[in-house]
Amino acid sequence: MNHATIPARGLPGSCAGEQPDADPAASGPTTIAIGQAAARLRSAGRCRPDRVAAALGHTAERWRQREFAPRRETVAALATAVGMAPATLDESLEALFEPVTAVALSALAARLPATNRLFGFLMPGNVPGAGIHEVCAALVAGAGLIIKAASSEPLFFANFIRTLAEVDAAVAARAAVVNFGRADSAEI
């Protein structure tokens, strides 16, 4: 996959103290530096809600395209990993991404109270992408996110946040995806 950063041309606003240098989906297989991720997220600049909504909307639009390379690669890998048919995964992603638009997220931003808190999400492994709506809402509200991907499904959120980093690295810098199993030790 191409993980190059694409400038945020045409996206509104700026983010205070932009620091888009870290891979938001980087994690080690056995030792997780959750404390380091939290420190990075706490120091990441806050972005205007309209910029976050635009970046997430653009990212979701890319993921709605069935031929988008990261989606194709994720669907193929998930089909093997979780034993689901690629067509079923594609339909599931279609349903998940349908309401995730820049317009809908902008409307949501107008209703959500702003926050600068750090949230943690434990994602399920049985439905790839489940939780994307909550991730989007939290980012639009200004939260920093540590997303713990399911050990059985470590691909979707890592690849989605990498795509977000291609669209707008400063917005993606407000999220970190970690993956570890129950037997792994954590460096906190």
N, C-alpha and C. Protein backbone atom coordinates (compact mmCIF):
# COMPACT_ATOMS: atom_id res chain seq x y z
N MET A 1 0.83 -1.18 0.00
CA MET A 1 0.00 0.00 0.00
C MET A 1 0.87 1.23 0.00
N ASN A 2 0.35 2.28 -0.61
CA ASN A 2 1.05 3.55 -0.62
C ASN A 2 0.67 4.32 0.63
N HIS A 3 1.64 4.65 1.44
CA HIS A 3 1.37 5.36 2.69
C HIS A 3 1.89 6.79 2.64
N ALA A 4 2.10 7.32 1.43
CA ALA A 4 2.58 8.69 1.32
C ALA A 4 1.49 9.65 1.77
N THR A 5 1.91 10.77 2.31
CA THR A 5 0.96 11.76 2.77
C THR A 5 0.56 12.65 1.61
N ILE A 6 -0.74 12.83 1.44
CA ILE A 6 -1.27 13.71 0.42
C ILE A 6 -1.63 15.02 1.12
N PRO A 7 -1.18 16.16 0.59
CA PRO A 7 -1.51 17.43 1.23
C PRO A 7 -3.02 17.61 1.33
N ALA A 8 -3.44 18.33 2.35
CA ALA A 8 -4.85 18.53 2.62
C ALA A 8 -5.40 19.69 1.80
N ARG A 9 -5.17 19.68 0.50
CA ARG A 9 -5.67 20.74 -0.36
C ARG A 9 -7.18 20.71 -0.37
N GLY A 10 -7.77 21.87 -0.28
CA GLY A 10 -9.21 21.97 -0.36
C GLY A 10 -9.93 21.62 0.94
N LEU A 11 -9.21 21.17 1.94
CA LEU A 11 -9.85 20.86 3.21
C LEU A 11 -9.82 22.12 4.06
N PRO A 12 -10.90 22.39 4.78
CA PRO A 12 -10.98 23.63 5.54
C PRO A 12 -10.09 23.64 6.77
N GLY A 13 -9.69 24.85 7.14
CA GLY A 13 -9.04 25.06 8.43
C GLY A 13 -7.66 24.48 8.56
N SER A 14 -7.13 24.68 9.73
CA SER A 14 -5.82 24.14 10.05
C SER A 14 -5.90 23.48 11.41
N CYS A 15 -4.86 22.77 11.73
CA CYS A 15 -4.77 22.12 13.03
C CYS A 15 -3.65 22.78 13.80
N ALA A 16 -3.91 23.06 15.05
CA ALA A 16 -2.90 23.69 15.90
C ALA A 16 -1.75 22.72 16.12
N GLY A 17 -0.55 23.19 15.93
CA GLY A 17 0.63 22.38 16.21
C GLY A 17 0.69 21.09 15.41
N GLU A 18 0.44 21.16 14.10
CA GLU A 18 0.42 19.94 13.29
C GLU A 18 1.71 19.16 13.44
N GLN A 19 1.58 17.85 13.74
CA GLN A 19 2.71 16.96 13.90
C GLN A 19 2.40 15.63 13.21
N PRO A 20 2.34 15.61 11.88
CA PRO A 20 1.88 14.42 11.18
C PRO A 20 2.96 13.40 10.83
N ASP A 21 4.03 13.29 11.61
CA ASP A 21 5.14 12.46 11.22
C ASP A 21 5.03 10.98 11.61
N ALA A 22 4.22 10.61 12.56
CA ALA A 22 4.15 9.23 13.03
C ALA A 22 3.10 8.44 12.26
N ASP A 23 3.36 7.14 12.04
CA ASP A 23 2.37 6.26 11.43
C ASP A 23 1.30 5.99 12.48
N PRO A 24 0.05 6.44 12.24
CA PRO A 24 -0.99 6.28 13.25
C PRO A 24 -1.41 4.84 13.46
N ALA A 25 -1.01 3.96 12.58
CA ALA A 25 -1.42 2.57 12.70
C ALA A 25 -0.25 1.65 12.99
N ALA A 26 0.83 2.20 13.51
CA ALA A 26 1.99 1.38 13.82
C ALA A 26 1.83 0.75 15.20
N SER A 27 2.11 -0.52 15.28
CA SER A 27 2.10 -1.19 16.58
C SER A 27 2.99 -2.41 16.49
N GLY A 28 3.54 -2.78 17.61
CA GLY A 28 4.38 -3.96 17.66
C GLY A 28 3.54 -5.20 17.89
N PRO A 29 4.05 -6.36 17.51
CA PRO A 29 3.25 -7.57 17.64
C PRO A 29 3.09 -8.07 19.07
N THR A 30 4.04 -7.78 19.95
CA THR A 30 3.91 -8.32 21.30
C THR A 30 3.98 -7.28 22.40
N THR A 31 4.67 -6.20 22.18
CA THR A 31 4.76 -5.18 23.21
C THR A 31 4.15 -3.90 22.68
N ILE A 32 3.19 -3.40 23.37
CA ILE A 32 2.45 -2.24 22.91
C ILE A 32 2.86 -1.03 23.74
N ALA A 33 3.25 0.02 23.08
CA ALA A 33 3.64 1.23 23.77
C ALA A 33 2.42 2.15 23.87
N ILE A 34 1.43 1.75 24.65
CA ILE A 34 0.20 2.52 24.79
C ILE A 34 0.51 3.89 25.39
N GLY A 35 1.41 3.92 26.36
CA GLY A 35 1.78 5.19 26.97
C GLY A 35 2.38 6.16 25.97
N GLN A 36 3.22 5.64 25.06
CA GLN A 36 3.80 6.49 24.02
C GLN A 36 2.72 7.00 23.07
N ALA A 37 1.79 6.13 22.71
CA ALA A 37 0.69 6.54 21.83
C ALA A 37 -0.14 7.62 22.51
N ALA A 38 -0.45 7.43 23.78
CA ALA A 38 -1.24 8.41 24.52
C ALA A 38 -0.52 9.75 24.59
N ALA A 39 0.78 9.72 24.84
CA ALA A 39 1.55 10.97 24.90
C ALA A 39 1.54 11.67 23.55
N ARG A 40 1.69 10.92 22.47
CA ARG A 40 1.65 11.52 21.13
C ARG A 40 0.29 12.13 20.87
N LEU A 41 -0.77 11.43 21.24
CA LEU A 41 -2.12 11.93 21.00
C LEU A 41 -2.42 13.18 21.83
N ARG A 42 -1.92 13.19 23.06
CA ARG A 42 -2.14 14.37 23.91
C ARG A 42 -1.44 15.60 23.37
N SER A 43 -0.33 15.39 22.68
CA SER A 43 0.41 16.53 22.15
C SER A 43 -0.01 16.90 20.72
N ALA A 44 -0.83 16.06 20.09
CA ALA A 44 -1.28 16.36 18.72
C ALA A 44 -2.17 17.58 18.73
N GLY A 45 -2.02 18.40 17.73
CA GLY A 45 -2.84 19.60 17.64
C GLY A 45 -4.30 19.27 17.36
N ARG A 46 -5.17 20.11 17.89
CA ARG A 46 -6.61 19.96 17.63
C ARG A 46 -6.94 20.58 16.29
N CYS A 47 -7.82 19.95 15.58
CA CYS A 47 -8.25 20.44 14.28
C CYS A 47 -9.68 20.97 14.37
N ARG A 48 -9.99 21.91 13.53
CA ARG A 48 -11.36 22.42 13.49
C ARG A 48 -12.30 21.30 13.08
N PRO A 49 -13.49 21.24 13.66
CA PRO A 49 -14.44 20.17 13.34
C PRO A 49 -14.78 20.08 11.85
N ASP A 50 -14.86 21.23 11.16
CA ASP A 50 -15.18 21.18 9.74
C ASP A 50 -14.05 20.53 8.94
N ARG A 51 -12.82 20.74 9.37
CA ARG A 51 -11.68 20.09 8.70
C ARG A 51 -11.72 18.59 8.95
N VAL A 52 -12.00 18.17 10.17
CA VAL A 52 -12.07 16.75 10.51
C VAL A 52 -13.21 16.09 9.72
N ALA A 53 -14.37 16.75 9.68
CA ALA A 53 -15.51 16.20 8.94
C ALA A 53 -15.18 16.05 7.46
N ALA A 54 -14.53 17.05 6.88
CA ALA A 54 -14.16 16.98 5.46
C ALA A 54 -13.16 15.86 5.20
N ALA A 55 -12.16 15.74 6.07
CA ALA A 55 -11.14 14.69 5.89
C ALA A 55 -11.74 13.30 6.04
N LEU A 56 -12.58 13.10 7.06
CA LEU A 56 -13.22 11.80 7.25
C LEU A 56 -14.19 11.50 6.11
N GLY A 57 -14.92 12.50 5.67
CA GLY A 57 -15.85 12.31 4.55
C GLY A 57 -15.10 11.90 3.28
N HIS A 58 -13.97 12.56 3.03
CA HIS A 58 -13.17 12.22 1.84
C HIS A 58 -12.58 10.81 1.97
N THR A 59 -12.13 10.48 3.15
CA THR A 59 -11.57 9.14 3.38
C THR A 59 -12.64 8.08 3.19
N ALA A 60 -13.82 8.29 3.75
CA ALA A 60 -14.92 7.33 3.58
C ALA A 60 -15.32 7.21 2.12
N GLU A 61 -15.31 8.33 1.40
CA GLU A 61 -15.64 8.29 -0.03
C GLU A 61 -14.65 7.39 -0.77
N ARG A 62 -13.39 7.47 -0.44
CA ARG A 62 -12.39 6.58 -1.07
C ARG A 62 -12.70 5.13 -0.73
N TRP A 63 -13.05 4.86 0.54
CA TRP A 63 -13.33 3.49 0.97
C TRP A 63 -14.65 2.96 0.41
N ARG A 64 -15.55 3.85 -0.02
CA ARG A 64 -16.79 3.39 -0.67
C ARG A 64 -16.52 2.84 -2.07
N GLN A 65 -15.42 3.22 -2.66
CA GLN A 65 -15.06 2.75 -4.00
C GLN A 65 -14.51 1.33 -3.90
N ARG A 66 -15.24 0.38 -4.47
CA ARG A 66 -14.85 -1.03 -4.35
C ARG A 66 -13.48 -1.33 -4.93
N GLU A 67 -13.02 -0.54 -5.85
CA GLU A 67 -11.71 -0.78 -6.47
C GLU A 67 -10.58 0.01 -5.83
N PHE A 68 -10.86 0.73 -4.74
CA PHE A 68 -9.82 1.45 -4.01
C PHE A 68 -8.84 0.43 -3.46
N ALA A 69 -7.57 0.55 -3.81
CA ALA A 69 -6.57 -0.48 -3.51
C ALA A 69 -6.53 -0.89 -2.03
N PRO A 70 -6.46 0.05 -1.08
CA PRO A 70 -6.44 -0.40 0.33
C PRO A 70 -7.70 -1.18 0.72
N ARG A 71 -8.84 -0.79 0.17
CA ARG A 71 -10.06 -1.55 0.46
C ARG A 71 -9.95 -2.95 -0.14
N ARG A 72 -9.53 -3.05 -1.40
CA ARG A 72 -9.40 -4.35 -2.05
C ARG A 72 -8.45 -5.25 -1.26
N GLU A 73 -7.30 -4.69 -0.86
CA GLU A 73 -6.31 -5.47 -0.11
C GLU A 73 -6.87 -5.89 1.24
N THR A 74 -7.58 -4.99 1.91
CA THR A 74 -8.15 -5.30 3.22
C THR A 74 -9.22 -6.37 3.10
N VAL A 75 -10.11 -6.23 2.12
CA VAL A 75 -11.18 -7.22 1.92
C VAL A 75 -10.57 -8.59 1.62
N ALA A 76 -9.58 -8.64 0.74
CA ALA A 76 -8.95 -9.92 0.40
C ALA A 76 -8.30 -10.57 1.62
N ALA A 77 -7.57 -9.78 2.40
CA ALA A 77 -6.91 -10.32 3.59
C ALA A 77 -7.93 -10.74 4.64
N LEU A 78 -8.97 -9.94 4.83
CA LEU A 78 -10.00 -10.28 5.81
C LEU A 78 -10.78 -11.53 5.40
N ALA A 79 -11.04 -11.68 4.12
CA ALA A 79 -11.77 -12.85 3.65
C ALA A 79 -11.03 -14.12 4.06
N THR A 80 -9.72 -14.09 3.93
CA THR A 80 -8.90 -15.23 4.34
C THR A 80 -8.85 -15.35 5.86
N ALA A 81 -8.63 -14.24 6.54
CA ALA A 81 -8.44 -14.27 8.00
C ALA A 81 -9.70 -14.64 8.76
N VAL A 82 -10.84 -14.11 8.37
CA VAL A 82 -12.07 -14.35 9.13
C VAL A 82 -13.01 -15.33 8.45
N GLY A 83 -12.63 -15.81 7.27
CA GLY A 83 -13.42 -16.83 6.60
C GLY A 83 -14.73 -16.33 6.02
N MET A 84 -14.79 -15.06 5.65
CA MET A 84 -15.99 -14.50 5.04
C MET A 84 -15.77 -14.35 3.54
N ALA A 85 -16.83 -14.41 2.79
CA ALA A 85 -16.76 -14.20 1.35
C ALA A 85 -16.46 -12.73 1.07
N PRO A 86 -15.58 -12.46 0.10
CA PRO A 86 -15.30 -11.06 -0.24
C PRO A 86 -16.56 -10.25 -0.58
N ALA A 87 -17.51 -10.87 -1.24
CA ALA A 87 -18.75 -10.16 -1.59
C ALA A 87 -19.52 -9.75 -0.33
N THR A 88 -19.51 -10.61 0.68
CA THR A 88 -20.18 -10.28 1.95
C THR A 88 -19.48 -9.13 2.64
N LEU A 89 -18.15 -9.16 2.65
CA LEU A 89 -17.38 -8.07 3.25
C LEU A 89 -17.63 -6.76 2.50
N ASP A 90 -17.67 -6.82 1.18
CA ASP A 90 -17.93 -5.61 0.40
C ASP A 90 -19.30 -5.03 0.73
N GLU A 91 -20.31 -5.88 0.84
CA GLU A 91 -21.65 -5.39 1.18
C GLU A 91 -21.68 -4.79 2.58
N SER A 92 -20.98 -5.42 3.50
CA SER A 92 -20.91 -4.91 4.87
C SER A 92 -20.26 -3.53 4.90
N LEU A 93 -19.15 -3.37 4.17
CA LEU A 93 -18.47 -2.08 4.12
C LEU A 93 -19.36 -1.02 3.46
N GLU A 94 -20.09 -1.41 2.43
CA GLU A 94 -21.03 -0.47 1.79
C GLU A 94 -22.00 0.08 2.81
N ALA A 95 -22.60 -0.81 3.59
CA ALA A 95 -23.59 -0.40 4.59
C ALA A 95 -22.95 0.46 5.67
N LEU A 96 -21.75 0.09 6.11
CA LEU A 96 -21.07 0.88 7.15
C LEU A 96 -20.73 2.29 6.69
N PHE A 97 -20.27 2.42 5.45
CA PHE A 97 -19.81 3.72 4.96
C PHE A 97 -20.92 4.59 4.38
N GLU A 98 -22.09 4.03 4.12
CA GLU A 98 -23.15 4.83 3.50
C GLU A 98 -23.44 6.13 4.25
N PRO A 99 -23.60 6.11 5.58
CA PRO A 99 -23.91 7.37 6.27
C PRO A 99 -22.69 8.24 6.59
N VAL A 100 -21.49 7.78 6.27
CA VAL A 100 -20.28 8.52 6.63
C VAL A 100 -19.92 9.44 5.47
N THR A 101 -20.51 10.63 5.49
CA THR A 101 -20.26 11.63 4.45
C THR A 101 -19.81 12.93 5.11
N ALA A 102 -19.16 13.76 4.33
CA ALA A 102 -18.71 15.05 4.86
C ALA A 102 -19.91 15.88 5.32
N VAL A 103 -21.00 15.84 4.58
CA VAL A 103 -22.19 16.62 4.94
C VAL A 103 -22.76 16.11 6.27
N ALA A 104 -22.91 14.80 6.39
CA ALA A 104 -23.45 14.23 7.63
C ALA A 104 -22.53 14.50 8.81
N LEU A 105 -21.23 14.39 8.59
CA LEU A 105 -20.28 14.62 9.69
C LEU A 105 -20.23 16.10 10.08
N SER A 106 -20.38 16.99 9.11
CA SER A 106 -20.44 18.42 9.42
C SER A 106 -21.68 18.74 10.26
N ALA A 107 -22.80 18.13 9.90
CA ALA A 107 -24.03 18.33 10.68
C ALA A 107 -23.86 17.78 12.09
N LEU A 108 -23.20 16.64 12.20
CA LEU A 108 -22.93 16.06 13.51
C LEU A 108 -22.03 16.97 14.33
N ALA A 109 -21.03 17.55 13.70
CA ALA A 109 -20.09 18.44 14.39
C ALA A 109 -20.81 19.62 15.02
N ALA A 110 -21.85 20.08 14.37
CA ALA A 110 -22.61 21.22 14.90
C ALA A 110 -23.39 20.84 16.16
N ARG A 111 -23.68 19.56 16.34
CA ARG A 111 -24.47 19.11 17.49
C ARG A 111 -23.63 18.56 18.63
N LEU A 112 -22.40 18.16 18.36
CA LEU A 112 -21.56 17.53 19.39
C LEU A 112 -20.84 18.56 20.25
N PRO A 113 -20.74 18.30 21.53
CA PRO A 113 -19.89 19.17 22.36
C PRO A 113 -18.42 18.88 22.04
N ALA A 114 -17.62 19.92 22.02
CA ALA A 114 -16.19 19.75 21.75
C ALA A 114 -15.52 19.12 22.97
N THR A 115 -14.51 18.31 22.69
CA THR A 115 -13.73 17.69 23.77
C THR A 115 -12.28 17.62 23.35
N ASN A 116 -11.41 17.55 24.30
CA ASN A 116 -9.99 17.33 24.03
C ASN A 116 -9.52 16.11 24.83
N ARG A 117 -10.46 15.24 25.15
CA ARG A 117 -10.14 14.05 25.93
C ARG A 117 -9.54 12.96 25.05
N LEU A 118 -8.91 12.03 25.72
CA LEU A 118 -8.36 10.86 25.06
C LEU A 118 -9.30 9.70 25.31
N PHE A 119 -9.81 9.09 24.24
CA PHE A 119 -10.73 7.97 24.35
C PHE A 119 -10.04 6.69 23.88
N GLY A 120 -10.46 5.58 24.44
CA GLY A 120 -9.99 4.27 23.99
C GLY A 120 -11.16 3.48 23.46
N PHE A 121 -10.99 2.84 22.32
CA PHE A 121 -12.01 2.00 21.72
C PHE A 121 -11.48 0.58 21.58
N LEU A 122 -12.24 -0.39 22.03
CA LEU A 122 -11.93 -1.80 21.83
C LEU A 122 -12.85 -2.29 20.72
N MET A 123 -12.29 -2.60 19.57
CA MET A 123 -13.09 -2.94 18.40
C MET A 123 -13.38 -4.43 18.32
N PRO A 124 -14.58 -4.76 17.86
CA PRO A 124 -14.94 -6.18 17.71
C PRO A 124 -14.26 -6.77 16.48
N GLY A 125 -14.08 -8.07 16.49
CA GLY A 125 -13.47 -8.75 15.36
C GLY A 125 -14.47 -9.46 14.47
N ASN A 126 -15.71 -9.58 14.92
CA ASN A 126 -16.68 -10.36 14.16
C ASN A 126 -17.33 -9.59 13.02
N VAL A 127 -17.29 -8.26 13.05
CA VAL A 127 -17.85 -7.44 11.96
C VAL A 127 -16.79 -6.40 11.60
N PRO A 128 -15.98 -6.67 10.57
CA PRO A 128 -14.94 -5.72 10.18
C PRO A 128 -15.53 -4.32 9.93
N GLY A 129 -14.94 -3.33 10.57
CA GLY A 129 -15.37 -1.96 10.41
C GLY A 129 -16.39 -1.50 11.43
N ALA A 130 -16.96 -2.43 12.19
CA ALA A 130 -17.92 -2.03 13.21
C ALA A 130 -17.23 -1.09 14.18
N GLY A 131 -17.85 0.03 14.46
CA GLY A 131 -17.28 1.05 15.31
C GLY A 131 -16.81 2.27 14.54
N ILE A 132 -16.86 2.23 13.21
CA ILE A 132 -16.38 3.36 12.42
C ILE A 132 -17.19 4.62 12.69
N HIS A 133 -18.49 4.48 12.94
CA HIS A 133 -19.32 5.65 13.21
C HIS A 133 -18.90 6.33 14.51
N GLU A 134 -18.60 5.54 15.53
CA GLU A 134 -18.16 6.07 16.82
C GLU A 134 -16.78 6.73 16.70
N VAL A 135 -15.90 6.12 15.92
CA VAL A 135 -14.58 6.70 15.68
C VAL A 135 -14.72 8.06 15.02
N CYS A 136 -15.56 8.14 14.00
CA CYS A 136 -15.77 9.41 13.30
C CYS A 136 -16.36 10.46 14.23
N ALA A 137 -17.36 10.09 15.01
CA ALA A 137 -17.99 11.05 15.93
C ALA A 137 -16.97 11.57 16.94
N ALA A 138 -16.17 10.69 17.50
CA ALA A 138 -15.18 11.12 18.49
C ALA A 138 -14.13 12.04 17.88
N LEU A 139 -13.66 11.72 16.67
CA LEU A 139 -12.68 12.58 16.01
C LEU A 139 -13.28 13.95 15.68
N VAL A 140 -14.51 13.96 15.19
CA VAL A 140 -15.17 15.23 14.87
C VAL A 140 -15.32 16.09 16.12
N ALA A 141 -15.57 15.46 17.26
CA ALA A 141 -15.72 16.19 18.52
C ALA A 141 -14.38 16.71 19.05
N GLY A 142 -13.27 16.22 18.49
CA GLY A 142 -11.96 16.70 18.90
C GLY A 142 -11.18 15.76 19.79
N ALA A 143 -11.71 14.57 20.03
CA ALA A 143 -11.03 13.62 20.91
C ALA A 143 -9.79 13.03 20.24
N GLY A 144 -8.86 12.61 21.06
CA GLY A 144 -7.75 11.77 20.61
C GLY A 144 -8.19 10.33 20.84
N LEU A 145 -7.82 9.43 19.94
CA LEU A 145 -8.30 8.05 20.03
C LEU A 145 -7.19 7.04 20.01
N ILE A 146 -7.26 6.10 20.96
CA ILE A 146 -6.47 4.88 20.87
C ILE A 146 -7.47 3.79 20.49
N ILE A 147 -7.26 3.23 19.31
CA ILE A 147 -8.16 2.21 18.78
C ILE A 147 -7.46 0.87 18.91
N LYS A 148 -7.99 0.01 19.78
CA LYS A 148 -7.42 -1.33 19.95
C LYS A 148 -8.18 -2.24 18.99
N ALA A 149 -7.50 -2.61 17.90
CA ALA A 149 -8.10 -3.51 16.92
C ALA A 149 -8.20 -4.91 17.50
N ALA A 150 -9.21 -5.63 17.07
CA ALA A 150 -9.36 -7.02 17.51
C ALA A 150 -8.18 -7.84 17.00
N SER A 151 -7.70 -8.73 17.83
CA SER A 151 -6.58 -9.59 17.42
C SER A 151 -6.94 -10.41 16.19
N SER A 152 -8.21 -10.80 16.09
CA SER A 152 -8.66 -11.60 14.96
C SER A 152 -8.91 -10.75 13.72
N GLU A 153 -8.96 -9.42 13.87
CA GLU A 153 -9.22 -8.54 12.74
C GLU A 153 -8.42 -7.24 12.91
N PRO A 154 -7.11 -7.32 12.68
CA PRO A 154 -6.25 -6.15 12.91
C PRO A 154 -6.12 -5.22 11.70
N LEU A 155 -6.85 -5.47 10.63
CA LEU A 155 -6.58 -4.78 9.37
C LEU A 155 -7.40 -3.52 9.10
N PHE A 156 -8.71 -3.59 9.30
CA PHE A 156 -9.58 -2.51 8.84
C PHE A 156 -9.18 -1.16 9.42
N PHE A 157 -9.15 -1.04 10.74
CA PHE A 157 -8.90 0.28 11.33
C PHE A 157 -7.49 0.78 11.03
N ALA A 158 -6.50 -0.09 11.01
CA ALA A 158 -5.14 0.34 10.66
C ALA A 158 -5.12 0.92 9.25
N ASN A 159 -5.78 0.24 8.32
CA ASN A 159 -5.77 0.71 6.93
C ASN A 159 -6.65 1.93 6.73
N PHE A 160 -7.76 2.02 7.45
CA PHE A 160 -8.60 3.21 7.34
C PHE A 160 -7.87 4.44 7.87
N ILE A 161 -7.21 4.33 9.00
CA ILE A 161 -6.49 5.47 9.57
C ILE A 161 -5.29 5.83 8.70
N ARG A 162 -4.66 4.86 8.07
CA ARG A 162 -3.57 5.18 7.13
C ARG A 162 -4.12 5.97 5.94
N THR A 163 -5.30 5.59 5.45
CA THR A 163 -5.91 6.35 4.36
C THR A 163 -6.24 7.76 4.83
N LEU A 164 -6.77 7.90 6.04
CA LEU A 164 -7.03 9.22 6.60
C LEU A 164 -5.75 10.04 6.64
N ALA A 165 -4.62 9.42 6.98
CA ALA A 165 -3.34 10.13 7.01
C ALA A 165 -2.93 10.59 5.62
N GLU A 166 -3.29 9.83 4.59
CA GLU A 166 -3.01 10.27 3.22
C GLU A 166 -3.85 11.48 2.85
N VAL A 167 -5.07 11.53 3.36
CA VAL A 167 -5.98 12.64 3.08
C VAL A 167 -5.59 13.87 3.90
N ASP A 168 -5.36 13.67 5.20
CA ASP A 168 -5.02 14.78 6.09
C ASP A 168 -4.24 14.21 7.28
N ALA A 169 -2.95 14.32 7.22
CA ALA A 169 -2.07 13.74 8.24
C ALA A 169 -2.32 14.32 9.63
N ALA A 170 -2.65 15.60 9.71
CA ALA A 170 -2.86 16.21 11.02
C ALA A 170 -4.13 15.67 11.68
N VAL A 171 -5.17 15.41 10.91
CA VAL A 171 -6.39 14.82 11.47
C VAL A 171 -6.09 13.39 11.93
N ALA A 172 -5.38 12.63 11.10
CA ALA A 172 -5.04 11.25 11.45
C ALA A 172 -4.14 11.18 12.67
N ALA A 173 -3.37 12.24 12.92
CA ALA A 173 -2.48 12.26 14.08
C ALA A 173 -3.25 12.25 15.39
N ARG A 174 -4.57 12.44 15.35
CA ARG A 174 -5.42 12.39 16.53
C ARG A 174 -5.85 10.96 16.86
N ALA A 175 -5.36 9.96 16.08
CA ALA A 175 -5.73 8.57 16.31
C ALA A 175 -4.50 7.68 16.26
N ALA A 176 -4.54 6.63 17.05
CA ALA A 176 -3.49 5.60 17.02
C ALA A 176 -4.19 4.24 17.08
N VAL A 177 -3.76 3.35 16.21
CA VAL A 177 -4.32 2.00 16.20
C VAL A 177 -3.29 1.06 16.79
N VAL A 178 -3.70 0.29 17.79
CA VAL A 178 -2.82 -0.69 18.40
C VAL A 178 -3.44 -2.07 18.24
N ASN A 179 -2.60 -3.06 18.26
CA ASN A 179 -3.07 -4.43 18.12
C ASN A 179 -2.20 -5.32 19.01
N PHE A 180 -2.86 -6.05 19.88
CA PHE A 180 -2.15 -6.99 20.74
C PHE A 180 -3.15 -8.03 21.21
N GLY A 181 -2.64 -9.17 21.60
CA GLY A 181 -3.48 -10.25 22.10
C GLY A 181 -3.52 -10.26 23.61
N ARG A 182 -4.35 -11.10 24.14
CA ARG A 182 -4.49 -11.19 25.59
C ARG A 182 -3.20 -11.62 26.29
N ALA A 183 -2.40 -12.41 25.60
CA ALA A 183 -1.16 -12.92 26.21
C ALA A 183 0.00 -11.95 26.09
N ASP A 184 -0.17 -10.88 25.31
CA ASP A 184 0.91 -9.92 25.13
C ASP A 184 1.03 -9.02 26.34
N SER A 185 2.25 -8.55 26.57
CA SER A 185 2.46 -7.60 27.67
C SER A 185 2.32 -6.20 27.12
N ALA A 186 1.95 -5.29 27.95
CA ALA A 186 1.80 -3.91 27.54
C ALA A 186 2.80 -3.04 28.28
N GLU A 187 3.39 -2.13 27.56
CA GLU A 187 4.33 -1.16 28.12
C GLU A 187 3.53 0.11 28.37
N ILE A 188 3.16 0.36 29.61
CA ILE A 188 2.27 1.49 29.89
C ILE A 188 2.99 2.63 30.55
